[in-house]
Amino acid sequence: MNRENSTYTIIYASVMVIIVAIGLAFTHQVLSDRQTANVNTDKMQQILRSLRVDASPAEADGIYRTLVKSAYL
């Protein structure tokens, strides 16, 4: 195949776009649960900060459950 041809460039770019799109879609699916957990942990930390309680992400869930009895997250 002649690499100086514009058809080669278009086909190459199209294949690369498809490969990258598949990779990004797969990564999104794999990491969506972890992303949701991080968002919820961040919300808990922000609520705890408003109560002047400093908690790390690892301990935020436990402290949040003991201090906050009802919430709509």
N, C-alpha and C. Protein backbone atom coordinates (compact mmCIF):
# COMPACT_ATOMS: atom_id res chain seq x y z
N MET A 1 0.85 -1.18 0.00
CA MET A 1 0.00 0.00 0.00
C MET A 1 0.90 1.24 0.00
N ASN A 2 0.54 2.20 -0.81
CA ASN A 2 1.30 3.44 -0.93
C ASN A 2 0.99 4.34 0.26
N ARG A 3 2.00 4.62 1.08
CA ARG A 3 1.79 5.42 2.28
C ARG A 3 1.66 6.91 1.99
N GLU A 4 1.95 7.33 0.81
CA GLU A 4 1.83 8.74 0.45
C GLU A 4 0.45 9.06 -0.12
N ASN A 5 -0.39 8.09 -0.21
CA ASN A 5 -1.73 8.26 -0.75
C ASN A 5 -2.65 8.78 0.35
N SER A 6 -3.59 9.64 0.00
CA SER A 6 -4.50 10.18 1.00
C SER A 6 -5.47 9.12 1.52
N THR A 7 -5.75 8.10 0.72
CA THR A 7 -6.63 7.02 1.17
C THR A 7 -5.99 6.27 2.33
N TYR A 8 -4.69 6.02 2.26
CA TYR A 8 -3.98 5.36 3.35
C TYR A 8 -4.08 6.17 4.63
N THR A 9 -3.91 7.47 4.52
CA THR A 9 -3.97 8.34 5.69
C THR A 9 -5.36 8.30 6.32
N ILE A 10 -6.39 8.35 5.51
CA ILE A 10 -7.76 8.33 6.02
C ILE A 10 -8.07 7.00 6.68
N ILE A 11 -7.67 5.91 6.05
CA ILE A 11 -7.92 4.58 6.63
C ILE A 11 -7.14 4.42 7.94
N TYR A 12 -5.88 4.85 7.96
CA TYR A 12 -5.06 4.76 9.16
C TYR A 12 -5.67 5.57 10.30
N ALA A 13 -6.09 6.80 10.01
CA ALA A 13 -6.69 7.65 11.04
C ALA A 13 -8.00 7.04 11.54
N SER A 14 -8.79 6.48 10.64
CA SER A 14 -10.06 5.87 11.03
C SER A 14 -9.84 4.67 11.94
N VAL A 15 -8.88 3.83 11.60
CA VAL A 15 -8.57 2.67 12.43
C VAL A 15 -8.08 3.10 13.80
N MET A 16 -7.23 4.11 13.85
CA MET A 16 -6.72 4.60 15.13
C MET A 16 -7.84 5.17 15.99
N VAL A 17 -8.76 5.90 15.38
CA VAL A 17 -9.89 6.48 16.12
C VAL A 17 -10.75 5.36 16.70
N ILE A 18 -11.00 4.33 15.92
CA ILE A 18 -11.82 3.21 16.40
C ILE A 18 -11.13 2.48 17.55
N ILE A 19 -9.82 2.25 17.44
CA ILE A 19 -9.08 1.57 18.51
C ILE A 19 -9.10 2.40 19.79
N VAL A 20 -8.86 3.69 19.68
CA VAL A 20 -8.86 4.55 20.87
C VAL A 20 -10.26 4.63 21.47
N ALA A 21 -11.30 4.70 20.65
CA ALA A 21 -12.67 4.76 21.15
C ALA A 21 -13.03 3.49 21.90
N ILE A 22 -12.64 2.34 21.37
CA ILE A 22 -12.91 1.08 22.06
C ILE A 22 -12.16 1.03 23.39
N GLY A 23 -10.92 1.48 23.40
CA GLY A 23 -10.15 1.51 24.64
C GLY A 23 -10.76 2.42 25.68
N LEU A 24 -11.20 3.59 25.27
CA LEU A 24 -11.83 4.52 26.21
C LEU A 24 -13.16 4.00 26.72
N ALA A 25 -13.95 3.38 25.86
CA ALA A 25 -15.23 2.82 26.29
C ALA A 25 -15.02 1.69 27.29
N PHE A 26 -14.04 0.83 27.03
CA PHE A 26 -13.74 -0.26 27.95
C PHE A 26 -13.27 0.28 29.30
N THR A 27 -12.39 1.27 29.28
CA THR A 27 -11.90 1.87 30.52
C THR A 27 -13.03 2.51 31.30
N HIS A 28 -13.93 3.18 30.62
CA HIS A 28 -15.07 3.81 31.29
C HIS A 28 -15.94 2.76 31.97
N GLN A 29 -16.22 1.67 31.30
CA GLN A 29 -17.05 0.61 31.87
C GLN A 29 -16.38 -0.03 33.08
N VAL A 30 -15.08 -0.25 33.00
CA VAL A 30 -14.36 -0.91 34.08
C VAL A 30 -14.29 -0.01 35.32
N LEU A 31 -14.11 1.29 35.11
CA LEU A 31 -13.88 2.20 36.23
C LEU A 31 -15.14 2.92 36.72
N SER A 32 -16.30 2.66 36.16
CA SER A 32 -17.50 3.41 36.54
C SER A 32 -17.90 3.16 37.99
N ASP A 33 -17.78 1.92 38.48
CA ASP A 33 -18.13 1.64 39.88
C ASP A 33 -17.18 2.36 40.84
N ARG A 34 -15.90 2.35 40.51
CA ARG A 34 -14.92 3.03 41.36
C ARG A 34 -15.15 4.54 41.36
N GLN A 35 -15.53 5.09 40.21
CA GLN A 35 -15.79 6.52 40.11
C GLN A 35 -17.00 6.90 40.96
N THR A 36 -18.05 6.09 40.92
CA THR A 36 -19.23 6.35 41.74
C THR A 36 -18.89 6.30 43.22
N ALA A 37 -18.08 5.32 43.62
CA ALA A 37 -17.66 5.22 45.02
C ALA A 37 -16.85 6.44 45.43
N ASN A 38 -15.97 6.92 44.56
CA ASN A 38 -15.17 8.11 44.87
C ASN A 38 -16.04 9.35 45.00
N VAL A 39 -17.06 9.48 44.17
CA VAL A 39 -17.97 10.62 44.26
C VAL A 39 -18.72 10.59 45.58
N ASN A 40 -19.21 9.42 45.98
CA ASN A 40 -19.93 9.31 47.25
C ASN A 40 -19.01 9.57 48.43
N THR A 41 -17.78 9.08 48.38
CA THR A 41 -16.83 9.34 49.46
C THR A 41 -16.51 10.83 49.55
N ASP A 42 -16.37 11.50 48.42
CA ASP A 42 -16.11 12.93 48.43
C ASP A 42 -17.28 13.70 49.03
N LYS A 43 -18.50 13.30 48.71
CA LYS A 43 -19.67 13.95 49.30
C LYS A 43 -19.68 13.77 50.82
N MET A 44 -19.36 12.55 51.26
CA MET A 44 -19.31 12.29 52.70
C MET A 44 -18.24 13.15 53.36
N GLN A 45 -17.08 13.26 52.73
CA GLN A 45 -16.01 14.08 53.30
C GLN A 45 -16.41 15.55 53.36
N GLN A 46 -17.09 16.05 52.36
CA GLN A 46 -17.53 17.44 52.37
C GLN A 46 -18.55 17.69 53.47
N ILE A 47 -19.46 16.75 53.67
CA ILE A 47 -20.44 16.89 54.75
C ILE A 47 -19.72 16.86 56.09
N LEU A 48 -18.76 15.97 56.25
CA LEU A 48 -18.00 15.90 57.50
C LEU A 48 -17.18 17.17 57.72
N ARG A 49 -16.62 17.74 56.65
CA ARG A 49 -15.88 19.00 56.80
C ARG A 49 -16.80 20.13 57.24
N SER A 50 -18.05 20.11 56.77
CA SER A 50 -18.99 21.15 57.20
C SER A 50 -19.32 20.99 58.69
N LEU A 51 -19.16 19.79 59.21
CA LEU A 51 -19.35 19.54 60.64
C LEU A 51 -18.04 19.70 61.41
N ARG A 52 -17.00 20.17 60.73
CA ARG A 52 -15.66 20.38 61.28
C ARG A 52 -15.02 19.07 61.78
N VAL A 53 -15.24 18.01 61.01
CA VAL A 53 -14.61 16.72 61.29
C VAL A 53 -13.70 16.41 60.10
N ASP A 54 -12.41 16.25 60.38
CA ASP A 54 -11.46 15.95 59.32
C ASP A 54 -11.27 14.44 59.24
N ALA A 55 -11.61 13.86 58.10
CA ALA A 55 -11.52 12.41 57.92
C ALA A 55 -10.85 12.10 56.59
N SER A 56 -10.02 11.08 56.61
CA SER A 56 -9.39 10.63 55.36
C SER A 56 -10.42 9.85 54.54
N PRO A 57 -10.16 9.66 53.26
CA PRO A 57 -11.12 8.89 52.45
C PRO A 57 -11.35 7.47 52.97
N ALA A 58 -10.34 6.87 53.58
CA ALA A 58 -10.48 5.50 54.08
C ALA A 58 -11.42 5.43 55.29
N GLU A 59 -11.39 6.44 56.13
CA GLU A 59 -12.21 6.41 57.34
C GLU A 59 -13.47 7.27 57.24
N ALA A 60 -13.69 7.93 56.13
CA ALA A 60 -14.84 8.83 55.99
C ALA A 60 -16.16 8.08 56.08
N ASP A 61 -16.24 6.89 55.50
CA ASP A 61 -17.49 6.13 55.51
C ASP A 61 -17.90 5.76 56.93
N GLY A 62 -16.97 5.25 57.72
CA GLY A 62 -17.28 4.85 59.09
C GLY A 62 -17.68 6.03 59.97
N ILE A 63 -16.93 7.11 59.89
CA ILE A 63 -17.25 8.30 60.69
C ILE A 63 -18.57 8.90 60.24
N TYR A 64 -18.81 8.93 58.95
CA TYR A 64 -20.06 9.48 58.41
C TYR A 64 -21.25 8.69 58.94
N ARG A 65 -21.15 7.37 58.94
CA ARG A 65 -22.28 6.54 59.38
C ARG A 65 -22.55 6.69 60.88
N THR A 66 -21.53 7.00 61.68
CA THR A 66 -21.76 7.18 63.11
C THR A 66 -22.31 8.57 63.43
N LEU A 67 -21.90 9.59 62.68
CA LEU A 67 -22.33 10.95 62.99
C LEU A 67 -23.62 11.35 62.30
N VAL A 68 -23.82 10.94 61.08
CA VAL A 68 -24.99 11.36 60.30
C VAL A 68 -25.98 10.20 60.26
N LYS A 69 -27.17 10.45 60.79
CA LYS A 69 -28.16 9.38 60.89
C LYS A 69 -29.05 9.28 59.67
N SER A 70 -29.40 10.41 59.04
CA SER A 70 -30.22 10.34 57.83
C SER A 70 -29.73 11.40 56.85
N ALA A 71 -29.63 10.98 55.58
CA ALA A 71 -29.17 11.90 54.54
C ALA A 71 -29.66 11.40 53.20
N TYR A 72 -29.76 12.33 52.27
CA TYR A 72 -30.15 11.99 50.91
C TYR A 72 -28.98 12.30 49.99
N LEU A 73 -28.20 11.28 49.66
CA LEU A 73 -27.04 11.46 48.78
C LEU A 73 -27.40 11.09 47.38
